[in-house]
C-alpha atoms as a PDB file:
ATOM      1  CA  MET A   1      -3.271   3.940  26.193  1.00  0.00           C
ATOM      2  CA  GLN A   2      -2.643   6.602  23.122  1.00  0.00           C
ATOM      3  CA  HIS A   3       1.074   6.882  21.624  1.00  0.00           C
ATOM      4  CA  ASP A   4       1.989   9.936  19.395  1.00  0.00           C
ATOM      5  CA  ASN A   5       2.586   9.279  15.965  1.00  0.00           C
ATOM      6  CA  ASP A   6       6.247   8.691  15.990  1.00  0.00           C
ATOM      7  CA  GLU A   7       6.113   6.072  18.723  1.00  0.00           C
ATOM      8  CA  LEU A   8       3.048   4.586  17.086  1.00  0.00           C
ATOM      9  CA  ALA A   9       4.762   4.433  13.882  1.00  0.00           C
ATOM     10  CA  ASP A  10       8.203   2.717  15.679  1.00  0.00           C
ATOM     11  CA  LEU A  11       5.858   0.215  17.285  1.00  0.00           C
ATOM     12  CA  GLN A  12       4.182  -0.923  14.181  1.00  0.00           C
ATOM     13  CA  ARG A  13       7.616  -1.039  12.296  1.00  0.00           C
ATOM     14  CA  GLN A  14       9.001  -3.554  15.281  1.00  0.00           C
ATOM     15  CA  HIS A  15       6.039  -5.330  14.967  1.00  0.00           C
ATOM     16  CA  TRP A  16       5.997  -5.871  11.523  1.00  0.00           C
ATOM     17  CA  GLN A  17       9.494  -7.104  11.590  1.00  0.00           C
ATOM     18  CA  ARG A  18       8.706  -9.514  14.228  1.00  0.00           C
ATOM     19  CA  THR A  19       5.404 -10.444  12.357  1.00  0.00           C
ATOM     20  CA  TYR A  20       7.374 -11.100   9.250  1.00  0.00           C
ATOM     21  CA  THR A  21      10.348 -12.832  10.922  1.00  0.00           C
ATOM     22  CA  ASP A  22       8.233 -15.580  12.790  1.00  0.00           C
ATOM     23  CA  HIS A  23       5.659 -15.988   9.653  1.00  0.00           C
ATOM     24  CA  PRO A  24       7.838 -15.963   6.424  1.00  0.00           C
ATOM     25  CA  GLY A  25       5.851 -15.352   3.293  1.00  0.00           C
ATOM     26  CA  MET A  26       2.713 -14.639   5.812  1.00  0.00           C
ATOM     27  CA  TYR A  27       0.308 -13.681   3.002  1.00  0.00           C
ATOM     28  CA  GLY A  28       1.414 -16.685   0.611  1.00  0.00           C
ATOM     29  CA  GLU A  29       2.467 -16.402  -3.110  1.00  0.00           C
ATOM     30  CA  GLN A  30      -0.824 -15.612  -4.814  1.00  0.00           C
ATOM     31  CA  PRO A  31      -1.742 -12.040  -5.612  1.00  0.00           C
ATOM     32  CA  SER A  32      -4.261  -9.866  -3.881  1.00  0.00           C
ATOM     33  CA  GLY A  33      -7.560  -9.265  -6.277  1.00  0.00           C
ATOM     34  CA  PRO A  34      -6.652  -5.573  -6.357  1.00  0.00           C
ATOM     35  CA  ALA A  35      -3.281  -6.379  -7.463  1.00  0.00           C
ATOM     36  CA  VAL A  36      -4.614  -8.440 -10.451  1.00  0.00           C
ATOM     37  CA  HIS A  37      -7.527  -5.742 -11.109  1.00  0.00           C
ATOM     38  CA  ALA A  38      -4.802  -2.936 -11.527  1.00  0.00           C
ATOM     39  CA  ALA A  39      -2.184  -5.013 -13.810  1.00  0.00           C
ATOM     40  CA  ASP A  40      -5.114  -5.278 -16.469  1.00  0.00           C
ATOM     41  CA  ILE A  41      -5.791  -1.682 -16.345  1.00  0.00           C
ATOM     42  CA  LEU A  42      -2.495  -0.433 -16.386  1.00  0.00           C
ATOM     43  CA  ARG A  43      -1.708  -2.891 -18.771  1.00  0.00           C
ATOM     44  CA  ALA A  44      -4.727  -1.639 -20.970  1.00  0.00           C
ATOM     45  CA  ARG A  45      -3.496   1.986 -20.325  1.00  0.00           C
ATOM     46  CA  GLY A  46       0.270   0.900 -21.307  1.00  0.00           C
ATOM     47  CA  ALA A  47       2.326   1.529 -18.189  1.00  0.00           C
ATOM     48  CA  LYS A  48       5.379  -0.058 -18.100  1.00  0.00           C
ATOM     49  CA  ASP A  49       6.541   0.615 -14.765  1.00  0.00           C
ATOM     50  CA  VAL A  50       4.957   0.156 -11.308  1.00  0.00           C
ATOM     51  CA  LEU A  51       6.079   1.268  -7.922  1.00  0.00           C
ATOM     52  CA  GLU A  52       4.297  -0.465  -5.068  1.00  0.00           C
ATOM     53  CA  LEU A  53       4.128   1.244  -1.798  1.00  0.00           C
ATOM     54  CA  GLY A  54       3.858  -1.224   1.818  1.00  0.00           C
ATOM     55  CA  ALA A  55       5.014  -4.210  -0.611  1.00  0.00           C
ATOM     56  CA  GLY A  56       5.773  -6.667   2.308  1.00  0.00           C
ATOM     57  CA  HIS A  57       7.347  -9.748   1.362  1.00  0.00           C
ATOM     58  CA  GLY A  58       6.190  -8.900  -1.914  1.00  0.00           C
ATOM     59  CA  ARG A  59       3.357 -11.462  -3.157  1.00  0.00           C
ATOM     60  CA  ASP A  60       1.826  -8.318  -5.352  1.00  0.00           C
ATOM     61  CA  ALA A  61       5.404  -6.974  -6.473  1.00  0.00           C
ATOM     62  CA  LEU A  62       6.422 -10.319  -8.072  1.00  0.00           C
ATOM     63  CA  TYR A  63       2.808 -10.518  -9.710  1.00  0.00           C
ATOM     64  CA  PHE A  64       3.634  -7.327 -11.391  1.00  0.00           C
ATOM     65  CA  ALA A  65       7.072  -8.651 -12.450  1.00  0.00           C
ATOM     66  CA  ARG A  66       5.871 -11.694 -13.690  1.00  0.00           C
ATOM     67  CA  GLU A  67       3.130  -9.860 -15.685  1.00  0.00           C
ATOM     68  CA  GLY A  68       6.139  -7.986 -17.468  1.00  0.00           C
ATOM     69  CA  PHE A  69       6.203  -4.602 -15.165  1.00  0.00           C
ATOM     70  CA  SER A  70       9.274  -3.249 -13.762  1.00  0.00           C
ATOM     71  CA  VAL A  71       8.702  -2.512 -10.435  1.00  0.00           C
ATOM     72  CA  GLN A  72      10.226  -0.514  -7.290  1.00  0.00           C
ATOM     73  CA  ALA A  73       8.785  -2.307  -4.134  1.00  0.00           C
ATOM     74  CA  THR A  74       9.399  -0.325  -0.469  1.00  0.00           C
ATOM     75  CA  ASP A  75       8.099  -1.425   2.720  1.00  0.00           C
ATOM     76  CA  PHE A  76       9.763  -0.295   6.117  1.00  0.00           C
ATOM     77  CA  SER A  77      10.330  -3.923   6.904  1.00  0.00           C
ATOM     78  CA  ARG A  78      13.842  -4.838   5.522  1.00  0.00           C
ATOM     79  CA  THR A  79      13.016  -8.494   6.558  1.00  0.00           C
ATOM     80  CA  GLY A  80       9.797  -8.599   3.924  1.00  0.00           C
ATOM     81  CA  LEU A  81      11.805  -7.168   1.283  1.00  0.00           C
ATOM     82  CA  ASP A  82      14.825  -9.689   2.122  1.00  0.00           C
ATOM     83  CA  GLN A  83      11.781 -12.177   1.404  1.00  0.00           C
ATOM     84  CA  LEU A  84      10.874 -10.148  -1.747  1.00  0.00           C
ATOM     85  CA  ASN A  85      14.208 -10.234  -3.207  1.00  0.00           C
ATOM     86  CA  ARG A  86      14.817 -14.168  -2.217  1.00  0.00           C
ATOM     87  CA  ALA A  87      11.522 -14.988  -4.003  1.00  0.00           C
ATOM     88  CA  ALA A  88      12.233 -12.709  -7.246  1.00  0.00           C
ATOM     89  CA  ARG A  89      15.584 -14.568  -7.520  1.00  0.00           C
ATOM     90  CA  THR A  90      13.833 -17.839  -7.417  1.00  0.00           C
ATOM     91  CA  GLN A  91      11.013 -16.789  -9.732  1.00  0.00           C
ATOM     92  CA  ASP A  92      13.637 -15.739 -12.290  1.00  0.00           C
ATOM     93  CA  VAL A  93      12.157 -11.662 -12.332  1.00  0.00           C
ATOM     94  CA  ALA A  94      15.112 -10.254 -10.272  1.00  0.00           C
ATOM     95  CA  GLU A  95      16.091  -8.193 -13.063  1.00  0.00           C
ATOM     96  CA  ARG A  96      12.505  -6.353 -12.878  1.00  0.00           C
ATOM     97  CA  VAL A  97      12.307  -5.725  -9.257  1.00  0.00           C
ATOM     98  CA  THR A  98      14.272  -3.318  -7.376  1.00  0.00           C
ATOM     99  CA  THR A  99      13.496  -3.079  -2.961  1.00  0.00           C
ATOM    100  CA  VAL A 100      13.906   0.079  -1.046  1.00  0.00           C
ATOM    101  CA  ALA A 101      13.535   0.148   2.394  1.00  0.00           C
ATOM    102  CA  HIS A 102      11.496   3.347   2.786  1.00  0.00           C
ATOM    103  CA  ASP A 103       9.045   4.928   5.582  1.00  0.00           C
ATOM    104  CA  VAL A 104       6.249   6.583   3.532  1.00  0.00           C
ATOM    105  CA  ARG A 105       6.137   9.546   5.967  1.00  0.00           C
ATOM    106  CA  GLU A 106       9.298  10.100   4.180  1.00  0.00           C
ATOM    107  CA  PRO A 107       9.480  11.823   0.769  1.00  0.00           C
ATOM    108  CA  LEU A 108       9.592   9.251  -1.755  1.00  0.00           C
ATOM    109  CA  PRO A 109      12.580   7.941  -3.198  1.00  0.00           C
ATOM    110  CA  LEU A 110      11.748   8.811  -7.223  1.00  0.00           C
ATOM    111  CA  PRO A 111      12.193  12.033  -9.694  1.00  0.00           C
ATOM    112  CA  ASP A 112       9.419  14.261 -10.353  1.00  0.00           C
ATOM    113  CA  ALA A 113       6.773  12.563 -12.569  1.00  0.00           C
ATOM    114  CA  SER A 114       9.129   9.024 -13.085  1.00  0.00           C
ATOM    115  CA  ALA A 115       6.466   6.328 -12.381  1.00  0.00           C
ATOM    116  CA  ASP A 116       3.731   5.178 -15.191  1.00  0.00           C
ATOM    117  CA  ALA A 117       1.812   4.110 -11.896  1.00  0.00           C
ATOM    118  CA  VAL A 118       1.872   3.607  -7.795  1.00  0.00           C
ATOM    119  CA  PHE A 119      -0.165   0.894  -6.309  1.00  0.00           C
ATOM    120  CA  ALA A 120      -0.656   0.280  -2.671  1.00  0.00           C
ATOM    121  CA  HIS A 121      -2.821  -2.302  -1.021  1.00  0.00           C
ATOM    122  CA  MET A 122      -3.457  -1.435   2.408  1.00  0.00           C
ATOM    123  CA  LEU A 123      -0.662   0.851   3.074  1.00  0.00           C
ATOM    124  CA  LEU A 124      -2.620   3.783   3.404  1.00  0.00           C
ATOM    125  CA  CYS A 125      -4.603   2.476   6.130  1.00  0.00           C
ATOM    126  CA  MET A 126      -1.928   1.642   8.316  1.00  0.00           C
ATOM    127  CA  ALA A 127      -0.930   3.618  11.511  1.00  0.00           C
ATOM    128  CA  LEU A 128      -0.929   6.955   9.720  1.00  0.00           C
ATOM    129  CA  SER A 129      -2.599  10.231  10.577  1.00  0.00           C
ATOM    130  CA  THR A 130      -4.677  12.109   8.305  1.00  0.00           C
ATOM    131  CA  GLN A 131      -1.973  14.804   7.633  1.00  0.00           C
ATOM    132  CA  GLU A 132       0.355  11.938   6.900  1.00  0.00           C
ATOM    133  CA  ILE A 133      -1.748  10.355   4.267  1.00  0.00           C
ATOM    134  CA  HIS A 134      -2.357  13.407   2.335  1.00  0.00           C
ATOM    135  CA  THR A 135       1.311  14.357   2.615  1.00  0.00           C
ATOM    136  CA  LEU A 136       1.867  11.115   1.287  1.00  0.00           C
ATOM    137  CA  VAL A 137      -0.712  11.309  -1.876  1.00  0.00           C
ATOM    138  CA  ARG A 138       0.607  14.577  -2.727  1.00  0.00           C
ATOM    139  CA  GLU A 139       4.101  12.660  -2.809  1.00  0.00           C
ATOM    140  CA  VAL A 140       2.524  10.170  -5.439  1.00  0.00           C
ATOM    141  CA  ARG A 141       1.203  13.009  -7.438  1.00  0.00           C
ATOM    142  CA  ARG A 142       4.094  14.150  -7.756  1.00  0.00           C
ATOM    143  CA  VAL A 143       6.448  11.033  -8.840  1.00  0.00           C
ATOM    144  CA  LEU A 144       3.471  10.339 -11.235  1.00  0.00           C
ATOM    145  CA  ARG A 145       3.866  11.158 -14.656  1.00  0.00           C
ATOM    146  CA  PRO A 146       0.635  13.397 -16.416  1.00  0.00           C
ATOM    147  CA  GLY A 147      -2.085  10.391 -17.169  1.00  0.00           C
ATOM    148  CA  GLY A 148      -0.501   7.933 -14.372  1.00  0.00           C
ATOM    149  CA  ASN A 149      -2.596   5.931 -12.484  1.00  0.00           C
ATOM    150  CA  PHE A 150      -2.832   5.588  -8.551  1.00  0.00           C
ATOM    151  CA  VAL A 151      -4.669   2.271  -7.415  1.00  0.00           C
ATOM    152  CA  TYR A 152      -4.997   2.083  -3.719  1.00  0.00           C
ATOM    153  CA  THR A 153      -7.140  -0.003  -1.014  1.00  0.00           C
ATOM    154  CA  VAL A 154      -8.087   0.768   2.552  1.00  0.00           C
ATOM    155  CA  ARG A 155     -10.366  -0.517   4.866  1.00  0.00           C
ATOM    156  CA  HIS A 156     -13.135   1.798   5.948  1.00  0.00           C
ATOM    157  CA  THR A 157     -15.197   2.818   8.832  1.00  0.00           C
ATOM    158  CA  ALA A 158     -17.590  -0.094   7.717  1.00  0.00           C
ATOM    159  CA  ASP A 159     -15.483  -2.672   9.152  1.00  0.00           C
ATOM    160  CA  ALA A 160     -16.008  -4.866  11.910  1.00  0.00           C
ATOM    161  CA  HIS A 161     -13.175  -3.755  13.479  1.00  0.00           C
ATOM    162  CA  TYR A 162     -13.651  -0.187  13.344  1.00  0.00           C
ATOM    163  CA  GLY A 163     -13.951   1.274  16.870  1.00  0.00           C
ATOM    164  CA  ALA A 164     -13.112  -1.967  18.542  1.00  0.00           C
ATOM    165  CA  GLY A 165      -9.766  -2.427  20.517  1.00  0.00           C
ATOM    166  CA  MET A 166      -7.057   0.058  21.285  1.00  0.00           C
ATOM    167  CA  ALA A 167      -8.164   3.883  20.125  1.00  0.00           C
ATOM    168  CA  HIS A 168      -5.343   6.198  19.130  1.00  0.00           C
ATOM    169  CA  GLY A 169      -7.519   8.948  18.094  1.00  0.00           C
ATOM    170  CA  ASP A 170      -7.937  10.122  14.152  1.00  0.00           C
ATOM    171  CA  ASP A 171      -9.899   7.154  13.063  1.00  0.00           C
ATOM    172  CA  ILE A 172      -7.067   4.924  14.178  1.00  0.00           C
ATOM    173  CA  TYR A 173      -7.672   1.700  16.340  1.00  0.00           C
ATOM    174  CA  GLU A 174      -4.984  -0.964  17.112  1.00  0.00           C
ATOM    175  CA  HIS A 175      -6.752  -4.782  17.207  1.00  0.00           C
ATOM    176  CA  GLY A 176      -4.250  -8.174  17.638  1.00  0.00           C
ATOM    177  CA  GLY A 177      -1.242  -5.604  17.322  1.00  0.00           C
ATOM    178  CA  PHE A 178      -1.835  -4.108  14.274  1.00  0.00           C
ATOM    179  CA  ALA A 179      -3.124  -0.299  14.048  1.00  0.00           C
ATOM    180  CA  VAL A 180      -5.527   0.450  11.152  1.00  0.00           C
ATOM    181  CA  HIS A 181      -6.753   4.110  10.199  1.00  0.00           C
ATOM    182  CA  PHE A 182     -10.337   3.496   9.103  1.00  0.00           C
ATOM    183  CA  PHE A 183     -11.225   5.641   5.901  1.00  0.00           C
ATOM    184  CA  PRO A 184     -14.213   7.433   5.998  1.00  0.00           C
ATOM    185  CA  ARG A 185     -15.591   8.205   2.641  1.00  0.00           C
ATOM    186  CA  HIS A 186     -15.009  12.055   2.328  1.00  0.00           C
ATOM    187  CA  LEU A 187     -11.121  11.247   3.278  1.00  0.00           C
ATOM    188  CA  VAL A 188     -11.509   9.187  -0.025  1.00  0.00           C
ATOM    189  CA  ASP A 189     -12.752  12.308  -1.751  1.00  0.00           C
ATOM    190  CA  SER A 190     -10.569  14.644  -0.333  1.00  0.00           C
ATOM    191  CA  LEU A 191      -7.489  12.751  -1.453  1.00  0.00           C
ATOM    192  CA  ALA A 192      -8.911  12.693  -5.170  1.00  0.00           C
ATOM    193  CA  GLU A 193      -9.283  16.631  -5.130  1.00  0.00           C
ATOM    194  CA  GLY A 194      -7.065  17.613  -8.490  1.00  0.00           C
ATOM    195  CA  TRP A 195      -7.537  13.968  -9.514  1.00  0.00           C
ATOM    196  CA  THR A 196      -9.847  12.373 -11.808  1.00  0.00           C
ATOM    197  CA  LEU A 197     -11.388   9.942  -9.423  1.00  0.00           C
ATOM    198  CA  ASN A 198     -12.243   7.019 -11.592  1.00  0.00           C
ATOM    199  CA  GLU A 199     -13.542   4.119  -9.131  1.00  0.00           C
ATOM    200  CA  VAL A 200     -14.130   3.645  -5.521  1.00  0.00           C
ATOM    201  CA  HIS A 201     -15.014   0.010  -5.136  1.00  0.00           C
ATOM    202  CA  ALA A 202     -16.111  -2.025  -2.348  1.00  0.00           C
ATOM    203  CA  PHE A 203     -15.333  -5.385  -1.548  1.00  0.00           C
ATOM    204  CA  GLU A 204     -14.621  -7.481   1.179  1.00  0.00           C
ATOM    205  CA  GLU A 205     -11.461  -9.797   1.883  1.00  0.00           C
ATOM    206  CA  GLY A 206      -9.948 -12.360   4.665  1.00  0.00           C
ATOM    207  CA  GLU A 207     -12.337 -14.251   7.127  1.00  0.00           C
ATOM    208  CA  LEU A 208     -13.483 -11.545   9.024  1.00  0.00           C
ATOM    209  CA  PRO A 209     -14.142 -10.458   6.534  1.00  0.00           C
ATOM    210  CA  ARG A 210     -12.169  -6.990   6.050  1.00  0.00           C
ATOM    211  CA  ARG A 211     -14.165  -4.339   4.380  1.00  0.00           C
ATOM    212  CA  LEU A 212     -12.242  -2.403   2.026  1.00  0.00           C
ATOM    213  CA  TRP A 213     -12.374  -0.110  -1.162  1.00  0.00           C
ATOM    214  CA  ARG A 214     -10.175  -0.138  -3.825  1.00  0.00           C
ATOM    215  CA  VAL A 215      -9.606   3.375  -5.220  1.00  0.00           C
ATOM    216  CA  THR A 216      -8.495   4.180  -8.995  1.00  0.00           C
ATOM    217  CA  GLN A 217      -7.345   7.784  -9.859  1.00  0.00           C
ATOM    218  CA  THR A 218      -5.351   9.133 -12.609  1.00  0.00           C
ATOM    219  CA  ARG A 219      -3.145  12.385 -12.373  1.00  0.00           C
ATOM    220  CA  SER A 220      -4.521  14.925 -14.628  1.00  0.00           C
END
């Protein structure tokens, strides 16, 4: 069965709300490898603030805050953000963390050229159409200061789940209730047009394992 984009997005929002409710802190407290890598890059380039898209319950946002960055964390799950806020108070970093419930299909809640960096771990490969992904990356470019960095990760078409489960079209497949847009390499390249593409790094994560690219690009 296929759903149109709006219906699929609504179903995925409900699914994530239930998942965070049933499994608080489901990804643990340790930051992801891409977040550790991003923090090193951003610190070396003098970044002070980070916008995280799809922060979930906050393991990476909290890491950035502990590392001294000011963080604005967004997610469409209020349940996940509530968990993030509680953890920020427990870890004494609440003064460096702001949370905003936000759907990335809408314009980003920041002014033009106001962020040093944007980070998104597996957010772009959620149930977003190719057109919506391009629109989002244009928004990321808008809110970044000149020379600012965008670090994101996505599952790609060499992943074991690509082509498995329920097909929704546009390289989106749903497996175990989670819909994923698997990236072909040409999509990464097209999203970097007008940017400086610094790196496309292949890595694996999890038990399957998931196969991902970590992409770093700079606003020219």
